[in-house]
Every structure is written in C-alpha cells, then in structure tokens.
N, C-alpha and C. Protein backbone atom coordinates (compact mmCIF):
# COMPACT_ATOMS: atom_id res chain seq x y z
N MET A 1 19.15 -10.65 7.49
CA MET A 1 18.64 -10.94 6.15
C MET A 1 19.72 -11.73 5.42
N SER A 2 19.34 -12.83 4.83
CA SER A 2 20.31 -13.66 4.11
C SER A 2 20.61 -13.04 2.75
N ARG A 3 21.64 -13.53 2.13
CA ARG A 3 22.07 -13.03 0.84
C ARG A 3 20.99 -13.18 -0.23
N LEU A 4 20.22 -14.28 -0.15
CA LEU A 4 19.16 -14.50 -1.13
C LEU A 4 17.95 -13.62 -0.92
N GLU A 5 17.78 -13.04 0.25
CA GLU A 5 16.65 -12.19 0.53
C GLU A 5 16.93 -10.71 0.19
N GLU A 6 18.21 -10.36 0.12
CA GLU A 6 18.58 -8.97 -0.17
C GLU A 6 18.50 -8.72 -1.68
N PRO A 7 18.20 -7.50 -2.09
CA PRO A 7 18.24 -7.20 -3.52
C PRO A 7 19.64 -7.41 -4.06
N PHE A 8 19.73 -7.89 -5.32
CA PHE A 8 21.03 -8.22 -5.89
C PHE A 8 21.89 -6.99 -6.16
N ALA A 9 21.35 -6.01 -6.84
CA ALA A 9 22.16 -4.87 -7.27
C ALA A 9 21.62 -3.58 -6.68
N PRO A 10 22.49 -2.61 -6.46
CA PRO A 10 22.04 -1.31 -5.95
C PRO A 10 21.02 -0.65 -6.89
N GLY A 11 21.16 -0.88 -8.20
CA GLY A 11 20.21 -0.31 -9.15
C GLY A 11 18.87 -0.98 -9.20
N LEU A 12 18.76 -2.16 -8.63
CA LEU A 12 17.52 -2.93 -8.51
C LEU A 12 16.86 -3.17 -9.86
N GLN A 13 17.63 -3.42 -10.91
CA GLN A 13 17.09 -3.64 -12.25
C GLN A 13 16.09 -4.79 -12.29
N PRO A 14 16.37 -5.95 -11.67
CA PRO A 14 15.37 -7.02 -11.71
C PRO A 14 14.03 -6.62 -11.05
N GLU A 15 14.12 -5.82 -10.00
CA GLU A 15 12.91 -5.39 -9.32
C GLU A 15 12.12 -4.41 -10.18
N ARG A 16 12.82 -3.52 -10.84
CA ARG A 16 12.12 -2.56 -11.74
C ARG A 16 11.46 -3.31 -12.91
N THR A 17 12.17 -4.32 -13.42
CA THR A 17 11.61 -5.10 -14.52
C THR A 17 10.35 -5.85 -14.05
N LEU A 18 10.41 -6.42 -12.88
CA LEU A 18 9.24 -7.11 -12.32
C LEU A 18 8.07 -6.16 -12.19
N LEU A 19 8.30 -4.98 -11.66
CA LEU A 19 7.20 -4.02 -11.51
C LEU A 19 6.65 -3.58 -12.87
N ALA A 20 7.52 -3.43 -13.87
CA ALA A 20 7.03 -3.06 -15.20
C ALA A 20 6.17 -4.17 -15.79
N TRP A 21 6.60 -5.42 -15.64
CA TRP A 21 5.80 -6.55 -16.13
C TRP A 21 4.47 -6.61 -15.42
N ARG A 22 4.47 -6.37 -14.10
CA ARG A 22 3.21 -6.42 -13.36
C ARG A 22 2.25 -5.35 -13.82
N ARG A 23 2.76 -4.14 -14.07
CA ARG A 23 1.90 -3.06 -14.59
C ARG A 23 1.35 -3.43 -15.96
N THR A 24 2.16 -4.04 -16.80
CA THR A 24 1.72 -4.45 -18.13
C THR A 24 0.63 -5.49 -18.02
N CYS A 25 0.80 -6.47 -17.15
CA CYS A 25 -0.21 -7.51 -16.97
C CYS A 25 -1.53 -6.91 -16.45
N LEU A 26 -1.42 -6.01 -15.52
CA LEU A 26 -2.63 -5.34 -14.99
C LEU A 26 -3.33 -4.55 -16.08
N ALA A 27 -2.56 -3.85 -16.91
CA ALA A 27 -3.14 -3.09 -18.00
C ALA A 27 -3.84 -4.01 -19.00
N PHE A 28 -3.22 -5.15 -19.36
CA PHE A 28 -3.86 -6.09 -20.25
C PHE A 28 -5.18 -6.59 -19.66
N ALA A 29 -5.18 -6.93 -18.39
CA ALA A 29 -6.39 -7.44 -17.75
C ALA A 29 -7.50 -6.39 -17.75
N VAL A 30 -7.17 -5.18 -17.38
CA VAL A 30 -8.17 -4.11 -17.30
C VAL A 30 -8.73 -3.79 -18.68
N VAL A 31 -7.86 -3.65 -19.66
CA VAL A 31 -8.32 -3.33 -21.01
C VAL A 31 -9.16 -4.47 -21.58
N THR A 32 -8.79 -5.70 -21.30
CA THR A 32 -9.59 -6.84 -21.77
C THR A 32 -10.98 -6.84 -21.16
N VAL A 33 -11.06 -6.57 -19.87
CA VAL A 33 -12.36 -6.52 -19.21
C VAL A 33 -13.21 -5.38 -19.76
N VAL A 34 -12.61 -4.22 -19.98
CA VAL A 34 -13.33 -3.09 -20.52
C VAL A 34 -13.78 -3.38 -21.96
N ALA A 35 -12.90 -3.98 -22.76
CA ALA A 35 -13.26 -4.34 -24.13
C ALA A 35 -14.41 -5.36 -24.14
N THR A 36 -14.36 -6.29 -23.21
CA THR A 36 -15.44 -7.26 -23.10
C THR A 36 -16.76 -6.56 -22.81
N ARG A 37 -16.71 -5.62 -21.90
CA ARG A 37 -17.91 -4.91 -21.51
C ARG A 37 -18.54 -4.17 -22.70
N PHE A 38 -17.69 -3.58 -23.54
CA PHE A 38 -18.23 -2.81 -24.67
C PHE A 38 -18.56 -3.67 -25.89
N THR A 39 -18.05 -4.88 -25.98
CA THR A 39 -18.31 -5.73 -27.13
C THR A 39 -19.34 -6.81 -26.87
N VAL A 40 -19.75 -6.98 -25.64
CA VAL A 40 -20.67 -8.09 -25.32
C VAL A 40 -22.03 -7.92 -25.99
N ASP A 41 -22.48 -6.69 -26.20
CA ASP A 41 -23.77 -6.47 -26.89
C ASP A 41 -23.74 -6.97 -28.32
N ARG A 42 -22.62 -6.78 -29.00
CA ARG A 42 -22.52 -7.18 -30.41
C ARG A 42 -22.05 -8.62 -30.58
N LEU A 43 -21.10 -9.05 -29.75
CA LEU A 43 -20.49 -10.38 -29.95
C LEU A 43 -21.05 -11.45 -29.08
N GLY A 44 -21.75 -11.06 -28.02
CA GLY A 44 -22.39 -12.05 -27.12
C GLY A 44 -21.38 -12.95 -26.43
N PRO A 45 -21.63 -14.25 -26.44
CA PRO A 45 -20.76 -15.20 -25.73
C PRO A 45 -19.33 -15.20 -26.25
N ALA A 46 -19.11 -14.86 -27.50
CA ALA A 46 -17.73 -14.79 -28.02
C ALA A 46 -16.94 -13.70 -27.30
N ALA A 47 -17.57 -12.58 -27.00
CA ALA A 47 -16.89 -11.50 -26.27
C ALA A 47 -16.52 -11.96 -24.87
N VAL A 48 -17.42 -12.67 -24.23
CA VAL A 48 -17.15 -13.18 -22.88
C VAL A 48 -16.00 -14.19 -22.92
N ALA A 49 -16.01 -15.07 -23.92
CA ALA A 49 -14.93 -16.05 -24.06
C ALA A 49 -13.59 -15.38 -24.29
N LEU A 50 -13.57 -14.39 -25.18
CA LEU A 50 -12.35 -13.66 -25.43
C LEU A 50 -11.89 -12.88 -24.20
N GLY A 51 -12.85 -12.33 -23.46
CA GLY A 51 -12.52 -11.61 -22.23
C GLY A 51 -11.91 -12.52 -21.19
N ILE A 52 -12.50 -13.69 -21.01
CA ILE A 52 -11.96 -14.65 -20.04
C ILE A 52 -10.57 -15.12 -20.48
N LEU A 53 -10.42 -15.40 -21.77
CA LEU A 53 -9.13 -15.85 -22.27
C LEU A 53 -8.06 -14.77 -22.10
N GLY A 54 -8.37 -13.56 -22.49
CA GLY A 54 -7.41 -12.45 -22.36
C GLY A 54 -7.04 -12.16 -20.94
N SER A 55 -8.03 -12.11 -20.04
CA SER A 55 -7.74 -11.86 -18.63
C SER A 55 -6.97 -13.03 -18.03
N GLY A 56 -7.32 -14.23 -18.44
CA GLY A 56 -6.59 -15.41 -17.95
C GLY A 56 -5.13 -15.40 -18.38
N LEU A 57 -4.88 -15.03 -19.64
CA LEU A 57 -3.51 -14.92 -20.10
C LEU A 57 -2.73 -13.86 -19.34
N ALA A 58 -3.39 -12.74 -19.03
CA ALA A 58 -2.73 -11.69 -18.24
C ALA A 58 -2.40 -12.21 -16.85
N GLY A 59 -3.30 -12.99 -16.25
CA GLY A 59 -3.05 -13.55 -14.92
C GLY A 59 -1.94 -14.56 -14.93
N VAL A 60 -1.91 -15.41 -15.95
CA VAL A 60 -0.83 -16.42 -16.07
C VAL A 60 0.49 -15.71 -16.29
N THR A 61 0.50 -14.69 -17.12
CA THR A 61 1.74 -13.93 -17.34
C THR A 61 2.22 -13.31 -16.03
N TYR A 62 1.32 -12.77 -15.24
CA TYR A 62 1.68 -12.19 -13.94
C TYR A 62 2.36 -13.23 -13.05
N ALA A 63 1.79 -14.44 -13.01
CA ALA A 63 2.36 -15.50 -12.17
C ALA A 63 3.71 -15.94 -12.69
N VAL A 64 3.83 -16.10 -14.00
CA VAL A 64 5.11 -16.55 -14.59
C VAL A 64 6.19 -15.51 -14.36
N VAL A 65 5.85 -14.24 -14.48
CA VAL A 65 6.82 -13.19 -14.25
C VAL A 65 7.30 -13.18 -12.81
N SER A 66 6.39 -13.39 -11.88
CA SER A 66 6.77 -13.44 -10.46
C SER A 66 7.71 -14.61 -10.18
N ILE A 67 7.41 -15.76 -10.76
CA ILE A 67 8.29 -16.93 -10.58
C ILE A 67 9.62 -16.68 -11.24
N ARG A 68 9.60 -16.11 -12.42
CA ARG A 68 10.85 -15.83 -13.13
C ARG A 68 11.72 -14.85 -12.35
N TYR A 69 11.10 -13.80 -11.78
CA TYR A 69 11.85 -12.85 -10.98
C TYR A 69 12.58 -13.55 -9.84
N ARG A 70 11.85 -14.43 -9.14
CA ARG A 70 12.46 -15.14 -8.00
C ARG A 70 13.65 -15.98 -8.45
N ARG A 71 13.51 -16.65 -9.56
CA ARG A 71 14.62 -17.47 -10.08
C ARG A 71 15.80 -16.60 -10.48
N ILE A 72 15.53 -15.50 -11.16
CA ILE A 72 16.61 -14.61 -11.56
C ILE A 72 17.30 -14.03 -10.33
N HIS A 73 16.54 -13.63 -9.36
CA HIS A 73 17.09 -13.09 -8.13
C HIS A 73 18.01 -14.10 -7.44
N GLU A 74 17.52 -15.34 -7.31
CA GLU A 74 18.33 -16.36 -6.66
C GLU A 74 19.59 -16.65 -7.47
N SER A 75 19.49 -16.69 -8.79
CA SER A 75 20.65 -16.95 -9.63
C SER A 75 21.66 -15.83 -9.53
N LEU A 76 21.21 -14.58 -9.55
CA LEU A 76 22.10 -13.44 -9.44
C LEU A 76 22.80 -13.42 -8.06
N ALA A 77 22.04 -13.72 -7.03
CA ALA A 77 22.62 -13.71 -5.68
C ALA A 77 23.63 -14.84 -5.51
N ALA A 78 23.40 -15.97 -6.15
CA ALA A 78 24.28 -17.12 -5.97
C ALA A 78 25.52 -17.04 -6.87
N SER A 79 25.31 -16.69 -8.16
CA SER A 79 26.45 -16.77 -9.10
C SER A 79 26.74 -15.46 -9.85
N GLY A 80 25.83 -14.53 -9.78
CA GLY A 80 26.05 -13.26 -10.48
C GLY A 80 25.65 -13.27 -11.94
N VAL A 81 25.11 -14.39 -12.43
CA VAL A 81 24.67 -14.48 -13.82
C VAL A 81 23.25 -15.04 -13.85
N THR A 82 22.60 -14.86 -14.97
CA THR A 82 21.25 -15.37 -15.11
C THR A 82 20.98 -15.76 -16.55
N GLY A 83 20.06 -16.67 -16.75
CA GLY A 83 19.66 -17.09 -18.09
C GLY A 83 18.46 -16.24 -18.52
N GLN A 84 18.21 -16.22 -19.79
CA GLN A 84 17.07 -15.45 -20.30
C GLN A 84 16.02 -16.40 -20.84
N GLY A 85 14.78 -16.07 -20.62
CA GLY A 85 13.66 -16.85 -21.12
C GLY A 85 12.65 -15.92 -21.77
N ALA A 86 11.89 -16.44 -22.70
CA ALA A 86 10.94 -15.61 -23.45
C ALA A 86 9.49 -15.94 -23.13
N LEU A 87 9.22 -16.81 -22.13
CA LEU A 87 7.85 -17.19 -21.84
C LEU A 87 6.98 -16.00 -21.44
N PRO A 88 7.41 -15.11 -20.56
CA PRO A 88 6.55 -13.95 -20.24
C PRO A 88 6.22 -13.11 -21.47
N LEU A 89 7.20 -12.92 -22.34
CA LEU A 89 6.95 -12.14 -23.54
C LEU A 89 5.96 -12.85 -24.46
N ALA A 90 6.07 -14.15 -24.56
CA ALA A 90 5.13 -14.93 -25.39
C ALA A 90 3.73 -14.86 -24.84
N LEU A 91 3.58 -14.93 -23.51
CA LEU A 91 2.25 -14.85 -22.90
C LEU A 91 1.66 -13.45 -23.07
N ALA A 92 2.49 -12.42 -22.92
CA ALA A 92 1.99 -11.05 -23.11
C ALA A 92 1.57 -10.83 -24.56
N PHE A 93 2.33 -11.40 -25.49
CA PHE A 93 1.96 -11.32 -26.90
C PHE A 93 0.60 -12.01 -27.14
N ALA A 94 0.41 -13.18 -26.51
CA ALA A 94 -0.85 -13.90 -26.66
C ALA A 94 -2.02 -13.07 -26.11
N ALA A 95 -1.82 -12.42 -24.95
CA ALA A 95 -2.87 -11.58 -24.38
C ALA A 95 -3.19 -10.40 -25.31
N ALA A 96 -2.17 -9.79 -25.89
CA ALA A 96 -2.41 -8.68 -26.82
C ALA A 96 -3.10 -9.18 -28.09
N LEU A 97 -2.75 -10.36 -28.54
CA LEU A 97 -3.39 -10.94 -29.70
C LEU A 97 -4.88 -11.20 -29.47
N VAL A 98 -5.22 -11.73 -28.31
CA VAL A 98 -6.63 -11.97 -27.97
C VAL A 98 -7.39 -10.65 -27.93
N LEU A 99 -6.77 -9.64 -27.34
CA LEU A 99 -7.42 -8.32 -27.30
C LEU A 99 -7.61 -7.79 -28.71
N GLY A 100 -6.62 -7.93 -29.57
CA GLY A 100 -6.75 -7.51 -30.96
C GLY A 100 -7.81 -8.27 -31.70
N LEU A 101 -7.93 -9.56 -31.44
CA LEU A 101 -8.98 -10.37 -32.06
C LEU A 101 -10.37 -9.87 -31.64
N ALA A 102 -10.52 -9.55 -30.37
CA ALA A 102 -11.80 -9.06 -29.87
C ALA A 102 -12.15 -7.74 -30.58
N CYS A 103 -11.18 -6.86 -30.71
CA CYS A 103 -11.43 -5.58 -31.39
C CYS A 103 -11.76 -5.80 -32.86
N ALA A 104 -11.03 -6.69 -33.52
CA ALA A 104 -11.30 -6.98 -34.93
C ALA A 104 -12.69 -7.59 -35.11
N ALA A 105 -13.07 -8.50 -34.24
CA ALA A 105 -14.39 -9.12 -34.33
C ALA A 105 -15.48 -8.07 -34.13
N TYR A 106 -15.27 -7.17 -33.22
CA TYR A 106 -16.25 -6.10 -32.99
C TYR A 106 -16.42 -5.25 -34.25
N LEU A 107 -15.30 -4.90 -34.89
CA LEU A 107 -15.38 -4.09 -36.09
C LEU A 107 -16.06 -4.83 -37.23
N VAL A 108 -15.75 -6.11 -37.41
CA VAL A 108 -16.38 -6.91 -38.46
C VAL A 108 -17.87 -7.01 -38.25
N VAL A 109 -18.29 -7.31 -37.00
CA VAL A 109 -19.72 -7.42 -36.72
C VAL A 109 -20.40 -6.10 -36.91
N ASP A 110 -19.72 -5.01 -36.54
CA ASP A 110 -20.29 -3.67 -36.72
C ASP A 110 -20.46 -3.34 -38.21
N LEU A 111 -19.52 -3.75 -39.04
CA LEU A 111 -19.63 -3.51 -40.49
C LEU A 111 -20.73 -4.35 -41.13
N ILE A 112 -20.92 -5.55 -40.64
CA ILE A 112 -21.94 -6.43 -41.18
C ILE A 112 -23.35 -5.92 -40.87
N ASP A 113 -23.51 -5.39 -39.67
CA ASP A 113 -24.84 -4.90 -39.25
C ASP A 113 -25.19 -3.63 -39.88
C-alpha cells in the first residue's frame, strides 16, 4: 500500500469527518423526500420542485465532500498540512434552506386554506 492510500493519522479524523458529512447528506436527502411526500397534496408541483432541488443539493454535497476528502487526504499524506474550504458547508446550508422553504410554504398554504 502506498503512502497516499494509507490513512493519514492513527485517529482517522479526516475519515470520521467524511462519514459524518455523508450521514448528514443522507439525512437531508431522506428528510427532503419525506417532506415532499407529505406536502405534495397541498403544494403540488412546487413541492416536487423543492424536493428535487433539496435532494439534488444533498447529492451534490455528498460528491463535493468525497472529492474534498480525497484532496485533504493526499495533501496530508504529502505535506502534513491542508487547506480549508467552505463549499460543503455552503451546499449543506442550501439544502437545509430548501427544506425550510418547503416547510414554510406548507404552513402558509395550510393557513390560507
């Protein structure tokens, strides 16, 4: 096994972080799909659009996190240092925002009816 294929640290912090991000992305996707299911009767196509957008953002976040992990791993193995980026956090925030918008729209439509 080459140095780049082995885990960087005995504590495996980058691996634990990757797994936590993956669980978060999966949770966003599942909750978005469930919210879509329960709001589609009231919101119609808007619920479907929000569901697709939210699930898509969760999927993109999952892919970005996986790529980021690989870059961090390679950087740590090569030089022992790594840079920080906020793209995964921004995408996760966007997914949470879409889910919040779907819930708010559901409540507004429910109050109007």
